[in-house]
Amino acid sequence: MDVQKPSIPVRKADFDFSFAPVHWFDGDPVLTHLLNALSLTFPEGERFFMDAVRHYYRRIDDPALQGDIQRFLGQEAMHGRAHDAFNQFVRDGGFDTAAIEGHVKSQLAFARRVRSPEEQLAVTCALEHFTAILAELLFDEPEIRESMAPAVRKLWMWHAVEETEHKAVAFDTFVAVGGRYRVRAFAMITTTFLFMGHVTMHHRRLLAQDKTPRSRLGYLRAMSELWVSPGWFRKLLPAYLDYFRPSFHPWQRKPGAGFHRFREEVEQWLGAKRSGAVDAAA
């Protein structure tokens, strides 16, 4: 493939959410809790991804891929840690997340019991594709970024940059160990329905706890933003369907200018933070 893959640095990043409002996405409870629900899946999900890839590490004889796997594991460990901190911020806002996090943990434990290592790696490839195309959405849609409270935006943009950097590692591992197309495609189908179903359930659980007055019209407006106009999720469909091509590879989707811009911003922010020059409210 004629693409210059970015390096995969493991960055230590800490986030301060103390200045962020409870409804940190444009003051909108519906869209805030959708992303909160997504974040609540991440710590256990990242551990599942790490285990699925690590299982095959000793079967990889390509030193470059071995190095990518090591750095993938480092980045994913940092993501789990950062979202643990963010999820504590959600709890501090008055929301009981124990049932949601328990459900995520039990579902992934079930997947470990009933799915083969190849299938677990295929599920990881599927969800890594989800996170990669969601990252593209964040890079391409300024309205989404500008709707986030600054401290929370830093978390999501850092995560998006790193998901792009390592987006092919699980896939390359799957290919290297002889993963089959039918297993990859079937895993994407089942994962799509299960993941969307579970996130929807968790979203509703958070909304049920939120006592902020809101109307059904507000919920419909938020869903319209996602699927109709501007249709952020609808815009992801071509990239999602691209995964089902037998010849698909993640780096066929080259990172655009947005990725490079925000990668540089992340590096500048982390450099300033290490020097003690960052305003906690920024």
Foldseek 3Di string as FASTA:
>chain_A
DPADADAQAQDQDAFDCPLADLQFQLNALLVSLLVLLVLLLQLLLLVLQLVLLVVCLVVDPDPVLNVLNVSSNSNSNNSNVRSVVVNVVNVVNPADCVVLNVVSNVVSVVCVVPPDSLLSLLLSLLVLLVLQLVLVLPLPDVSRLVRGQVRVSLSSNVSSLNSRNSSQSSVVSSVRVPRDLVSNVVSNVVSVVVVVVSSVVSSVSRVVRDPPDDDVVSNVVVVCVCCPVVNSVVVCVVSSVLSNDPPDGVCVPPDDPSSVVSVVVSVVVSVCVVVVNDDSSD
